Amino acid sequence: MKDDQTVLEVCNYHGPYPGTFIPTLIAVGQACEERLGLRYHCVFPASMRERPWVRLLGDAAIEYSFLGDRLSAVAKTRSLVGTARHVRARIVRSHFSRWDLQASIAARFSGAATVWHMHSGRGADPPVVASWAKDLVKARTVGRVLCDEVFAVSDEIKRLAEQRGMPAARVQVVLNGIDVARFADLPSRASARAELGLDGEAPVALGFAWSPLTKGADILVEAARPLAEAGRLRVVLVGNPKTLVDAGVSAPWLRVAEPVEDVRSLFAAADVFVSASRDEGFPYAIGEAMAAGLPVISSDIAGPSMYFASDGVTTFASGNAQALRVELQALLGDPSRRRRCEANREFVEKHLGLEAHVARVVDRFEHLLSSRA
C-alpha cells in the first residue's frame, strides 16, 4: 500500500512526444510504489500542459502538476517548495539541469533528499560553454551543500560531473533504459517509406537534427552528397525544416521530416542510423535505433562510447565528413549487415533494458532513504 509520502520528479522536459523519457518516468513511478511504498509526483513546465503525452501519465495513475514558465526564479522556488511540502516529498529528483537549484531548495525545506539527474554534458557552441561555467560554479558551491547524489547517464557524464566539482562518492552512473519490447514489432518498410514520401529502393540513412550544429546535420549531408547524387543513398533528417535551412543544411535529395510521436516508423524506413553529433550525453536515439535492429554509425565522441562495444556500431572521427562517407560506403557494400542488426538488438537487450534502469534508480532511492534514516 502506498504511503502518503512521495518521490517528486522535477522535469524541465519540453519534448513534443513522450520519447523514452515519459515511459521511463512511468516505469520508475510504478516501481517506487511497489518496492518503496511511496507515491510519485511529476512536475513539468506549464507550456507542456496540452502535450499528448500528458494523458499517458493519467492513464498510469501518475500524479503530475505544472510550473509556470514565466515565473521568476524566486517564484519557481516558492512554488516547488509548496509542492514538495504538499506531497510530503522524501526524494526530489531534477532532470535537465535548469531547475536543479530550485529543486534542491525545495528538498531542503521539505526535509527530502536531492538528486540531480545529468542527461548531458557541455556543448560545442559558445552559449553552452558559458553554461558550462555557470554549472561549474553551481556544482562547486550549491551542489556540494544541497545535492545528495548525482545520477550520470554515462561514464563520460560522470567524469564531467566530477570535473565540475561534484565529489566522486556522490556521482552514480545510471545508464539510460531502453524499452526493447517497444521496438520488437515495427511497421512495414514499404508503408514507413510511403509515409515519408520515399520512392525507389535506394538505402536510407536516418539522422536526428533537433539542433543542427550540435547534431552534426551538416556533416551527414556533406558525407552523403556524392552517394545521394549518384542515386545510391537517401538521407532523412528529423527536425525543424526552418532551423535546418537557417543552418545551411539543404539538398534536393534530402528529406526533412517533422518529429513524430512514434519513432518506430522512422526506424522501419531506414537502413542505417547516423549520429554525427559534435557533442552528446548518452543519447536515447542510438539505443532505440539499435533496439529497432539498425546498424549505427556514430561520431567517436565520448558521450555515447558505451554503445561502441556492439559489433553493429562503427565510428568515425568527429567532424570529419569524409571519414563518415567511408563508413557509409563500407556499410552499403557489407554483405553481413544483417548480423550487425542482430548484434545491436542483443547488445541493447543485455545492457540497456528498461527493467535494469528502473531497478538501478529505485536501488539508489532506497539507499538514500536508508542513509537518511
Protein backbone atom coordinates (compact mmCIF):
# COMPACT_ATOMS: atom_id res chain seq x y z
CA MET A 1 0.00 0.00 0.00
CA LYS A 2 1.24 3.48 -0.88
CA ASP A 3 2.49 5.73 1.89
CA ASP A 4 1.37 9.37 1.92
CA GLN A 5 4.99 10.34 1.25
CA THR A 6 6.32 10.89 -2.24
CA VAL A 7 9.15 10.79 -4.76
CA LEU A 8 8.96 14.17 -6.51
CA GLU A 9 10.30 14.39 -10.07
CA VAL A 10 11.06 17.94 -11.28
CA CYS A 11 11.29 17.66 -15.06
CA ASN A 12 12.27 20.54 -17.31
CA TYR A 13 11.09 18.43 -20.25
CA HIS A 14 9.92 20.14 -23.43
CA GLY A 15 9.60 17.19 -25.82
CA PRO A 16 6.59 17.25 -28.17
CA TYR A 17 6.26 13.48 -27.79
CA PRO A 18 6.85 11.03 -24.96
CA GLY A 19 10.00 9.53 -26.47
CA THR A 20 11.67 7.20 -23.99
CA PHE A 21 11.71 9.73 -21.14
CA ILE A 22 7.99 9.69 -20.24
CA PRO A 23 7.60 5.87 -20.33
CA THR A 24 10.73 5.65 -18.15
CA LEU A 25 9.22 8.02 -15.57
CA ILE A 26 6.05 5.95 -15.52
CA ALA A 27 8.01 2.72 -15.00
CA VAL A 28 10.05 4.27 -12.17
CA GLY A 29 6.89 5.62 -10.57
CA GLN A 30 5.24 2.21 -10.57
CA ALA A 31 8.38 0.63 -9.11
CA CYS A 32 8.55 3.26 -6.35
CA GLU A 33 5.02 2.35 -5.33
CA GLU A 34 5.64 -1.40 -5.45
CA ARG A 35 9.11 -1.52 -3.84
CA LEU A 36 9.23 1.54 -1.61
CA GLY A 37 5.57 2.11 -0.86
CA LEU A 38 5.90 5.74 -1.95
CA ARG A 39 3.61 7.87 -4.09
CA TYR A 40 5.03 9.51 -7.19
CA HIS A 41 4.50 13.06 -8.46
CA CYS A 42 5.99 14.74 -11.55
CA VAL A 43 6.29 18.48 -12.22
CA PHE A 44 6.56 19.80 -15.80
CA PRO A 45 6.68 23.25 -17.44
CA ALA A 46 3.19 24.77 -17.75
CA SER A 47 3.66 25.06 -21.53
CA MET A 48 3.54 21.25 -21.67
CA ARG A 49 0.01 21.10 -20.29
CA GLU A 50 -1.55 20.27 -23.68
CA ARG A 51 1.08 17.81 -24.84
CA PRO A 52 -0.43 14.47 -25.90
CA TRP A 53 1.92 12.55 -23.60
CA VAL A 54 0.29 14.05 -20.50
CA ARG A 55 -2.60 11.61 -20.90
CA LEU A 56 -0.13 8.71 -20.57
CA LEU A 57 0.64 9.85 -17.03
CA GLY A 58 -3.04 9.96 -16.14
CA ASP A 59 -3.65 6.54 -17.69
CA ALA A 60 -0.86 5.14 -15.49
CA ALA A 61 -2.26 6.85 -12.38
CA ILE A 62 0.87 9.02 -12.06
CA GLU A 63 0.28 12.30 -10.21
CA TYR A 64 1.51 15.43 -12.00
CA SER A 65 1.38 19.21 -11.89
CA PHE A 66 2.84 22.15 -13.80
CA LEU A 67 5.20 25.02 -13.00
CA GLY A 68 4.69 28.42 -14.64
CA ASP A 69 7.23 29.09 -17.40
CA ARG A 70 7.25 32.84 -16.87
CA LEU A 71 7.68 32.79 -13.12
CA SER A 72 10.83 34.33 -11.72
CA ALA A 73 13.45 32.05 -10.22
CA VAL A 74 12.27 33.04 -6.73
CA ALA A 75 8.62 32.35 -7.59
CA LYS A 76 9.53 28.98 -9.10
CA THR A 77 11.42 28.09 -5.95
CA ARG A 78 8.47 29.05 -3.76
CA SER A 79 6.11 27.03 -5.94
CA LEU A 80 8.33 23.94 -5.78
CA VAL A 81 8.75 24.30 -2.01
CA GLY A 82 4.98 24.37 -1.72
CA THR A 83 4.60 21.30 -3.92
CA ALA A 84 7.30 19.37 -2.06
CA ARG A 85 5.68 20.11 1.27
CA HIS A 86 2.17 19.36 0.00
CA VAL A 87 3.10 15.91 -1.36
CA ARG A 88 5.42 15.23 1.62
CA ALA A 89 8.43 14.59 -0.60
CA ARG A 90 11.08 12.15 0.62
CA ILE A 91 13.22 12.42 -2.52
CA VAL A 92 13.31 15.26 -5.06
CA ARG A 93 14.98 14.41 -8.36
CA SER A 94 15.54 17.10 -11.02
CA HIS A 95 16.09 16.46 -14.74
CA PHE A 96 17.74 18.54 -17.48
CA SER A 97 19.64 20.91 -15.22
CA ARG A 98 17.70 24.19 -15.42
CA TRP A 99 15.64 23.57 -12.26
CA ASP A 100 18.35 21.86 -10.21
CA LEU A 101 18.80 24.73 -7.75
CA GLN A 102 15.08 25.31 -7.18
CA ALA A 103 14.52 21.58 -6.71
CA SER A 104 17.40 21.38 -4.22
CA ILE A 105 16.00 24.23 -2.14
CA ALA A 106 12.54 22.66 -2.23
CA ALA A 107 14.05 19.40 -0.99
CA ARG A 108 15.90 21.15 1.82
CA PHE A 109 12.77 22.96 3.04
CA SER A 110 10.72 19.76 2.96
CA GLY A 111 13.39 17.54 4.53
CA ALA A 112 13.86 15.44 1.39
CA ALA A 113 16.98 14.04 -0.27
CA THR A 114 18.09 15.72 -3.51
CA VAL A 115 19.15 14.02 -6.75
CA TRP A 116 20.36 15.84 -9.85
CA HIS A 117 19.95 13.67 -12.94
CA MET A 118 22.58 14.70 -15.52
CA HIS A 119 21.44 13.73 -19.00
CA SER A 120 24.09 15.61 -20.96
CA GLY A 121 27.42 17.38 -20.73
CA ARG A 122 28.67 20.62 -22.16
CA GLY A 123 28.04 21.60 -25.77
CA ALA A 124 30.24 22.96 -28.53
CA ASP A 125 28.64 26.37 -29.04
CA PRO A 126 29.80 29.50 -27.12
CA PRO A 127 26.46 29.85 -25.25
CA VAL A 128 26.80 26.30 -24.00
CA VAL A 129 30.38 26.93 -22.90
CA ALA A 130 29.05 29.87 -20.88
CA SER A 131 26.50 27.48 -19.41
CA TRP A 132 29.39 25.14 -18.52
CA ALA A 133 30.97 27.94 -16.45
CA LYS A 134 27.70 28.53 -14.60
CA ASP A 135 27.36 24.79 -13.99
CA LEU A 136 30.91 24.74 -12.63
CA VAL A 137 30.01 27.34 -10.02
CA LYS A 138 26.73 25.58 -9.29
CA ALA A 139 28.38 22.20 -8.70
CA ARG A 140 31.28 23.53 -6.61
CA THR A 141 29.14 25.69 -4.36
CA VAL A 142 25.44 24.83 -4.13
CA GLY A 143 25.86 21.24 -5.31
CA ARG A 144 28.26 20.31 -2.52
CA VAL A 145 25.82 21.63 0.08
CA LEU A 146 22.37 20.82 -1.31
CA CYS A 147 22.79 17.84 -3.65
CA ASP A 148 22.92 14.39 -2.06
CA GLU A 149 23.57 12.44 -5.24
CA VAL A 150 24.07 12.93 -8.97
CA PHE A 151 22.80 10.34 -11.43
CA ALA A 152 25.05 10.45 -14.52
CA VAL A 153 23.79 8.69 -17.64
CA SER A 154 27.24 7.51 -18.72
CA ASP A 155 30.84 7.24 -17.57
CA GLU A 156 31.63 10.38 -19.59
CA ILE A 157 28.90 12.39 -17.87
CA LYS A 158 30.17 11.10 -14.52
CA ARG A 159 33.63 12.39 -15.43
CA LEU A 160 32.20 15.78 -16.36
CA ALA A 161 30.22 15.97 -13.10
CA GLU A 162 33.37 15.28 -11.10
CA GLN A 163 35.34 17.73 -13.23
CA ARG A 164 32.81 20.42 -12.38
CA GLY A 165 33.41 19.80 -8.69
CA MET A 166 30.90 17.21 -7.50
CA PRO A 167 32.52 14.74 -5.05
CA ALA A 168 33.12 11.40 -6.78
CA ALA A 169 31.37 9.48 -4.00
CA ARG A 170 28.14 11.33 -4.77
CA VAL A 171 28.12 10.62 -8.51
CA GLN A 172 26.48 7.38 -9.59
CA VAL A 173 26.29 6.06 -13.16
CA VAL A 174 22.69 5.25 -14.03
CA LEU A 175 22.56 4.20 -17.68
CA ASN A 176 19.53 5.13 -19.74
CA GLY A 177 16.97 2.38 -20.13
CA ILE A 178 15.51 1.34 -23.49
CA ASP A 179 12.12 -0.38 -23.73
CA VAL A 180 13.33 -3.09 -26.10
CA ALA A 181 9.89 -4.71 -26.42
CA ARG A 182 8.54 -1.48 -27.91
CA PHE A 183 10.74 -1.96 -30.98
CA ALA A 184 10.10 -5.66 -31.50
CA ASP A 185 7.25 -5.04 -33.94
CA LEU A 186 7.97 -2.29 -36.49
CA PRO A 187 5.67 -1.05 -39.26
CA SER A 188 6.37 -2.49 -42.70
CA ARG A 189 9.28 -0.98 -44.60
CA ALA A 190 7.04 -0.12 -47.56
CA SER A 191 4.39 1.70 -45.52
CA ALA A 192 7.03 3.56 -43.48
CA ARG A 193 8.76 4.79 -46.63
CA ALA A 194 5.49 5.76 -48.27
CA GLU A 195 4.65 7.82 -45.19
CA LEU A 196 7.91 9.75 -45.65
CA GLY A 197 7.36 10.17 -49.39
CA LEU A 198 10.34 7.98 -50.27
CA ASP A 199 10.23 6.10 -53.56
CA GLY A 200 12.68 3.64 -55.08
CA GLU A 201 14.89 1.15 -53.28
CA ALA A 202 17.93 3.29 -52.51
CA PRO A 203 19.18 2.73 -48.92
CA VAL A 204 18.13 5.37 -46.40
CA ALA A 205 20.39 6.99 -43.78
CA LEU A 206 18.40 8.43 -40.87
CA GLY A 207 19.60 11.16 -38.54
CA PHE A 208 18.02 13.29 -35.80
CA ALA A 209 18.74 17.01 -36.01
CA TRP A 210 16.82 18.90 -33.33
CA SER A 211 19.86 21.19 -33.04
CA PRO A 212 21.57 21.06 -36.47
CA LEU A 213 25.03 22.21 -35.36
CA THR A 214 25.27 20.07 -32.24
CA LYS A 215 23.77 17.04 -34.00
CA GLY A 216 26.13 17.41 -36.98
CA ALA A 217 23.41 17.62 -39.63
CA ASP A 218 25.82 19.44 -41.96
CA ILE A 219 28.39 16.67 -41.56
CA LEU A 220 25.91 13.95 -42.54
CA VAL A 221 24.66 15.88 -45.58
CA GLU A 222 28.20 16.62 -46.78
CA ALA A 223 29.24 12.99 -46.29
CA ALA A 224 26.19 11.67 -48.15
CA ARG A 225 26.25 14.15 -51.04
CA PRO A 226 28.20 12.17 -53.70
CA LEU A 227 26.39 8.95 -52.79
CA ALA A 228 22.99 10.63 -52.90
CA GLU A 229 23.70 12.45 -56.17
CA ALA A 230 24.64 9.09 -57.69
CA GLY A 231 21.32 7.65 -56.55
CA ARG A 232 22.97 5.25 -54.11
CA LEU A 233 21.62 6.78 -50.89
CA ARG A 234 18.74 8.84 -49.50
CA VAL A 235 19.00 10.89 -46.30
CA VAL A 236 16.18 11.61 -43.87
CA LEU A 237 16.78 14.21 -41.17
CA VAL A 238 14.21 14.60 -38.40
CA GLY A 239 13.94 18.15 -37.16
CA ASN A 240 12.54 21.60 -37.82
CA PRO A 241 12.75 22.41 -41.57
CA LYS A 242 13.25 26.15 -40.99
CA THR A 243 16.00 25.56 -38.42
CA LEU A 244 17.84 23.27 -40.84
CA VAL A 245 17.54 25.73 -43.74
CA ASP A 246 18.73 28.58 -41.50
CA ALA A 247 21.74 26.41 -40.59
CA GLY A 248 22.53 25.96 -44.30
CA VAL A 249 21.53 22.28 -44.34
CA SER A 250 19.64 21.59 -47.56
CA ALA A 251 19.83 19.47 -50.70
CA PRO A 252 17.31 18.40 -53.35
CA TRP A 253 17.70 14.76 -52.34
CA LEU A 254 17.38 15.46 -48.60
CA ARG A 255 14.07 14.59 -46.94
CA VAL A 256 13.34 16.61 -43.80
CA ALA A 257 10.70 15.04 -41.55
CA GLU A 258 8.90 16.66 -38.66
CA PRO A 259 9.17 14.85 -35.29
CA VAL A 260 6.60 12.09 -34.87
CA GLU A 261 5.02 10.56 -31.80
CA ASP A 262 6.03 7.03 -32.73
CA VAL A 263 9.66 6.87 -33.91
CA ARG A 264 9.29 3.20 -34.89
CA SER A 265 8.05 4.26 -38.34
CA LEU A 266 11.25 6.27 -38.88
CA PHE A 267 13.46 3.33 -37.95
CA ALA A 268 11.38 0.99 -40.14
CA ALA A 269 12.04 3.20 -43.18
CA ALA A 270 15.81 3.38 -42.61
CA ASP A 271 18.76 1.15 -43.41
CA VAL A 272 21.28 2.83 -41.11
CA PHE A 273 21.10 5.32 -38.25
CA VAL A 274 23.77 8.02 -38.28
CA SER A 275 24.70 10.07 -35.20
CA ALA A 276 27.11 12.73 -36.45
CA SER A 277 26.86 14.73 -33.23
CA ARG A 278 29.64 17.04 -32.17
CA ASP A 279 28.54 16.67 -28.54
CA GLU A 280 26.23 14.23 -26.72
CA GLY A 281 25.49 12.89 -23.29
CA PHE A 282 24.25 9.32 -23.62
CA PRO A 283 21.58 9.61 -26.32
CA TYR A 284 18.42 7.54 -26.25
CA ALA A 285 18.24 7.74 -30.06
CA ILE A 286 21.23 5.49 -30.70
CA GLY A 287 19.95 2.87 -28.26
CA GLU A 288 16.46 2.98 -29.77
CA ALA A 289 17.86 2.57 -33.30
CA MET A 290 19.87 -0.41 -32.11
CA ALA A 291 16.79 -1.93 -30.44
CA ALA A 292 14.95 -1.47 -33.75
CA GLY A 293 17.62 -3.54 -35.46
CA LEU A 294 19.51 -0.83 -37.33
CA PRO A 295 23.26 -0.69 -37.79
CA VAL A 296 24.65 2.56 -36.39
CA ILE A 297 27.44 4.89 -37.47
CA SER A 298 28.42 7.37 -34.76
CA SER A 299 30.98 10.13 -34.33
CA ASP A 300 33.69 8.97 -31.95
CA ILE A 301 32.82 11.40 -29.15
CA ALA A 302 32.94 10.23 -25.54
CA GLY A 303 29.26 10.54 -24.57
CA PRO A 304 27.82 7.53 -26.43
CA SER A 305 31.01 5.44 -26.19
CA MET A 306 29.36 2.57 -24.31
CA TYR A 307 27.37 1.78 -27.45
CA PHE A 308 30.62 1.32 -29.36
CA ALA A 309 31.18 -2.09 -27.78
CA SER A 310 28.46 -3.55 -30.02
CA ASP A 311 29.56 -5.19 -33.25
CA GLY A 312 26.75 -3.33 -35.00
CA VAL A 313 28.15 0.14 -34.25
CA THR A 314 31.00 1.73 -36.17
CA THR A 315 32.55 5.13 -35.55
CA PHE A 316 34.21 7.94 -37.49
CA ALA A 317 36.35 10.89 -36.45
CA SER A 318 34.02 13.58 -35.14
CA GLY A 319 33.50 16.44 -37.58
CA ASN A 320 35.11 14.56 -40.48
CA ALA A 321 32.57 14.20 -43.29
CA GLN A 322 34.99 12.25 -45.50
CA ALA A 323 35.51 9.67 -42.74
CA LEU A 324 31.74 9.32 -42.36
CA ARG A 325 31.42 8.84 -46.14
CA VAL A 326 33.92 5.98 -45.99
CA GLU A 327 31.85 4.27 -43.28
CA LEU A 328 28.63 4.76 -45.24
CA GLN A 329 30.18 3.26 -48.37
CA ALA A 330 31.53 0.31 -46.39
CA LEU A 331 28.16 -0.34 -44.78
CA LEU A 332 26.26 -0.15 -48.06
CA GLY A 333 28.55 -2.80 -49.51
CA ASP A 334 28.65 -5.02 -46.41
CA PRO A 335 27.01 -8.42 -47.02
CA SER A 336 26.97 -9.07 -43.25
CA ARG A 337 24.77 -6.06 -42.45
CA ARG A 338 22.03 -8.33 -41.07
CA ARG A 339 24.49 -9.68 -38.49
CA ARG A 340 25.19 -6.11 -37.36
CA CYS A 341 21.45 -5.56 -36.86
CA GLU A 342 21.13 -8.64 -34.69
CA ALA A 343 24.23 -7.70 -32.69
CA ASN A 344 22.71 -4.31 -31.86
CA ARG A 345 19.41 -5.77 -30.71
CA GLU A 346 21.20 -8.26 -28.47
CA PHE A 347 23.52 -5.59 -27.02
CA VAL A 348 20.70 -3.25 -26.01
CA GLU A 349 18.63 -6.07 -24.55
CA LYS A 350 21.57 -7.30 -22.48
CA HIS A 351 22.98 -3.98 -21.23
CA LEU A 352 20.30 -1.30 -21.51
CA GLY A 353 16.92 -2.85 -20.85
CA LEU A 354 14.35 -0.60 -19.18
CA GLU A 355 13.98 -3.03 -16.27
CA ALA A 356 17.68 -2.71 -15.39
CA HIS A 357 17.45 1.10 -15.45
CA VAL A 358 14.38 1.16 -13.22
CA ALA A 359 15.95 -1.27 -10.75
CA ARG A 360 19.11 0.85 -10.58
CA VAL A 361 17.16 4.06 -9.93
CA VAL A 362 15.00 2.52 -7.22
CA ASP A 363 18.06 0.88 -5.63
CA ARG A 364 19.68 4.31 -5.34
CA PHE A 365 16.47 5.83 -3.97
CA GLU A 366 16.31 3.07 -1.37
CA HIS A 367 19.95 3.69 -0.42
CA LEU A 368 19.31 7.42 0.02
CA LEU A 369 16.27 6.79 2.19
CA SER A 370 18.07 4.30 4.41
CA SER A 371 21.15 6.51 4.80
CA ARG A 372 19.00 9.48 5.82
CA ALA A 373 17.03 7.33 8.26
